[in-house]
């Protein structure tokens, strides 16, 4: 059933874009859509992206039905869809950098509740880099024994102990 769901998702994606665009599954339930011919001006390209992603979300928002073919009369699944997008021109970034940045936008769309489109913003990359640096520092602090655990008693209005917080 999972393979059928992925196949139906791929078909819906392909039907939502132009022949000059590219749709590819990159693993699990994640797909990449590369849109071409968005226009030469940024505002025009953003309008076009919003139009296309709106169509994609509408197509993916229709229930999926079990079985080889989609039967409109059957009750179906409605898995959430989220889209992270990156607007770029030329090849200033590597493919990995492009995927990383669009993934950051995707995670933001998911964390905002899903079933939506989010455009990559440079501050997302800065936040992700800060988080990685903090995680590395914390990991090193544990190894260097730089952290201490302190307990504070929790008491009720009658000053009776109810537990501890660390």
Protein backbone atom coordinates (compact mmCIF):
# COMPACT_ATOMS: atom_id res chain seq x y z
CA UNK A 1 0.00 0.00 0.00
CA UNK A 2 2.90 2.34 0.74
CA UNK A 3 4.33 1.84 -2.74
CA UNK A 4 0.92 2.54 -4.27
CA UNK A 5 0.64 5.72 -2.20
CA UNK A 6 4.07 6.90 -3.37
CA UNK A 7 3.22 6.06 -6.99
CA UNK A 8 -0.05 7.99 -6.80
CA UNK A 9 1.77 10.92 -5.17
CA UNK A 10 4.33 10.95 -7.99
CA UNK A 11 1.55 10.94 -10.60
CA UNK A 12 -0.21 13.84 -8.90
CA UNK A 13 3.05 15.81 -8.76
CA UNK A 14 3.80 15.19 -12.43
CA UNK A 15 0.27 16.28 -13.38
CA UNK A 16 0.70 19.50 -11.36
CA UNK A 17 3.76 20.78 -13.23
CA UNK A 18 4.77 21.49 -16.82
CA UNK A 19 6.59 19.05 -19.10
CA UNK A 20 9.78 21.14 -18.81
CA UNK A 21 9.81 20.69 -15.00
CA UNK A 22 11.39 17.79 -13.13
CA UNK A 23 9.85 15.56 -10.45
CA UNK A 24 12.06 13.08 -8.57
CA UNK A 25 11.70 11.00 -5.41
CA UNK A 26 14.78 11.45 -3.25
CA UNK A 27 13.91 8.92 -0.57
CA UNK A 28 11.18 7.87 1.81
CA UNK A 29 8.22 10.12 1.21
CA UNK A 30 10.22 13.11 -0.02
CA UNK A 31 10.13 14.39 -3.58
CA UNK A 32 12.00 17.17 -5.35
CA UNK A 33 10.28 19.30 -7.96
CA UNK A 34 12.46 21.56 -10.11
CA UNK A 35 10.44 24.29 -11.77
CA UNK A 36 11.68 26.06 -14.85
CA UNK A 37 10.30 29.01 -16.78
CA UNK A 38 9.18 30.96 -13.72
CA UNK A 39 9.91 34.35 -15.24
CA UNK A 40 12.87 36.68 -15.22
CA UNK A 41 11.77 38.90 -12.31
CA UNK A 42 11.78 37.72 -8.67
CA UNK A 43 8.21 38.87 -7.96
CA UNK A 44 6.96 37.14 -11.10
CA UNK A 45 8.79 33.93 -10.12
CA UNK A 46 7.38 34.05 -6.58
CA UNK A 47 3.83 34.47 -7.90
CA UNK A 48 4.36 31.52 -10.23
CA UNK A 49 5.81 29.37 -7.42
CA UNK A 50 2.85 30.19 -5.16
CA UNK A 51 0.46 29.30 -7.97
CA UNK A 52 2.16 25.97 -8.69
CA UNK A 53 2.62 24.99 -5.04
CA UNK A 54 -1.03 25.84 -4.40
CA UNK A 55 -1.98 23.43 -7.18
CA UNK A 56 0.36 20.77 -5.83
CA UNK A 57 -1.04 21.08 -2.29
CA UNK A 58 -4.59 20.88 -3.68
CA UNK A 59 -3.73 17.77 -5.70
CA UNK A 60 -1.96 16.09 -2.79
CA UNK A 61 -4.78 17.14 -0.46
CA UNK A 62 -7.28 14.89 -2.23
CA UNK A 63 -7.83 11.56 -0.41
CA UNK A 64 -5.79 8.56 -1.55
CA UNK A 65 -7.64 5.29 -1.94
CA UNK A 66 -6.38 1.77 -1.26
CA UNK A 67 -5.85 -0.56 -4.17
CA UNK A 68 -4.09 -0.31 -7.51
CA UNK A 69 -6.46 2.30 -8.91
CA UNK A 70 -7.89 5.29 -7.10
CA UNK A 71 -11.59 4.72 -6.49
CA UNK A 72 -13.36 8.04 -5.81
CA UNK A 73 -16.27 6.30 -4.06
CA UNK A 74 -14.04 4.65 -1.44
CA UNK A 75 -12.99 6.30 1.78
CA UNK A 76 -9.35 7.25 1.52
CA UNK A 77 -6.23 8.31 3.33
CA UNK A 78 -5.31 11.97 3.59
CA UNK A 79 -1.59 12.19 4.43
CA UNK A 80 -0.29 15.71 5.12
CA UNK A 81 1.87 17.40 2.51
CA UNK A 82 4.40 20.16 3.10
CA UNK A 83 6.50 22.05 0.58
CA UNK A 84 9.82 23.77 1.14
CA UNK A 85 10.96 25.90 -1.77
CA UNK A 86 14.14 27.65 -2.79
CA UNK A 87 14.32 30.31 -5.47
CA UNK A 88 17.67 30.33 -7.30
CA UNK A 89 19.18 31.23 -10.63
CA UNK A 90 22.26 29.65 -12.13
CA UNK A 91 24.59 27.25 -10.38
CA UNK A 92 26.15 29.34 -7.62
CA UNK A 93 25.38 26.58 -5.10
CA UNK A 94 26.08 22.87 -5.28
CA UNK A 95 23.21 20.40 -5.62
CA UNK A 96 23.73 19.39 -1.98
CA UNK A 97 23.51 23.02 -0.84
CA UNK A 98 20.32 23.52 -2.86
CA UNK A 99 18.75 20.40 -1.33
CA UNK A 100 19.88 21.40 2.17
CA UNK A 101 18.30 24.84 1.87
CA UNK A 102 15.04 23.55 0.43
CA UNK A 103 14.97 20.93 3.22
CA UNK A 104 15.28 23.70 5.82
CA UNK A 105 12.23 25.37 4.29
CA UNK A 106 10.42 22.02 4.25
CA UNK A 107 11.10 21.43 7.96
CA UNK A 108 9.81 24.92 8.69
CA UNK A 109 6.60 24.20 6.76
CA UNK A 110 6.17 20.95 8.71
CA UNK A 111 6.84 22.62 12.06
CA UNK A 112 4.25 25.28 11.21
CA UNK A 113 1.60 22.58 11.02
CA UNK A 114 2.11 21.08 7.57
CA UNK A 115 -0.11 21.25 4.51
CA UNK A 116 1.60 24.45 3.45
CA UNK A 117 4.37 25.96 1.37
CA UNK A 118 7.35 27.77 2.89
CA UNK A 119 10.03 29.63 0.95
CA UNK A 120 13.65 29.34 2.11
CA UNK A 121 14.94 32.44 3.86
CA UNK A 122 18.67 32.94 4.58
CA UNK A 123 18.05 33.28 8.34
CA UNK A 124 16.93 29.63 8.35
CA UNK A 125 20.47 28.62 7.41
CA UNK A 126 21.94 30.86 10.11
CA UNK A 127 19.59 29.33 12.74
CA UNK A 128 20.48 25.79 11.64
CA UNK A 129 24.21 26.56 11.82
CA UNK A 130 23.80 28.07 15.31
CA UNK A 131 21.88 25.04 16.49
CA UNK A 132 24.56 22.67 15.19
CA UNK A 133 27.26 24.73 16.91
CA UNK A 134 25.31 24.69 20.19
CA UNK A 135 24.78 20.95 19.97
CA UNK A 136 28.51 20.43 19.37
CA UNK A 137 29.36 22.68 22.34
CA UNK A 138 26.92 20.84 24.63
CA UNK A 139 28.28 17.47 23.55
CA UNK A 140 31.80 18.66 24.35
CA UNK A 141 30.64 20.08 27.70
CA UNK A 142 29.32 16.67 28.72
CA UNK A 143 32.60 14.99 27.78
CA UNK A 144 34.60 17.66 29.65
CA UNK A 145 32.30 17.35 32.68
CA UNK A 146 31.42 21.05 32.53
CA UNK A 147 27.79 20.52 33.47
CA UNK A 148 26.44 20.04 37.00
CA UNK A 149 23.05 18.84 38.08
CA UNK A 150 21.24 20.79 40.81
CA UNK A 151 17.93 19.87 42.42
CA UNK A 152 15.35 22.25 43.78
CA UNK A 153 12.51 21.01 45.97
CA UNK A 154 8.93 21.60 44.86
CA UNK A 155 6.55 22.38 47.73
CA UNK A 156 2.83 23.07 47.94
CA UNK A 157 1.11 25.94 49.79
CA UNK A 158 1.47 24.03 53.08
CA UNK A 159 5.24 23.75 52.52
CA UNK A 160 5.00 19.98 52.05
CA UNK A 161 7.46 18.49 49.59
CA UNK A 162 5.86 17.34 46.34
CA UNK A 163 8.93 16.49 44.31
CA UNK A 164 12.05 17.95 42.79
CA UNK A 165 13.01 19.76 39.65
CA UNK A 166 16.42 19.50 38.11
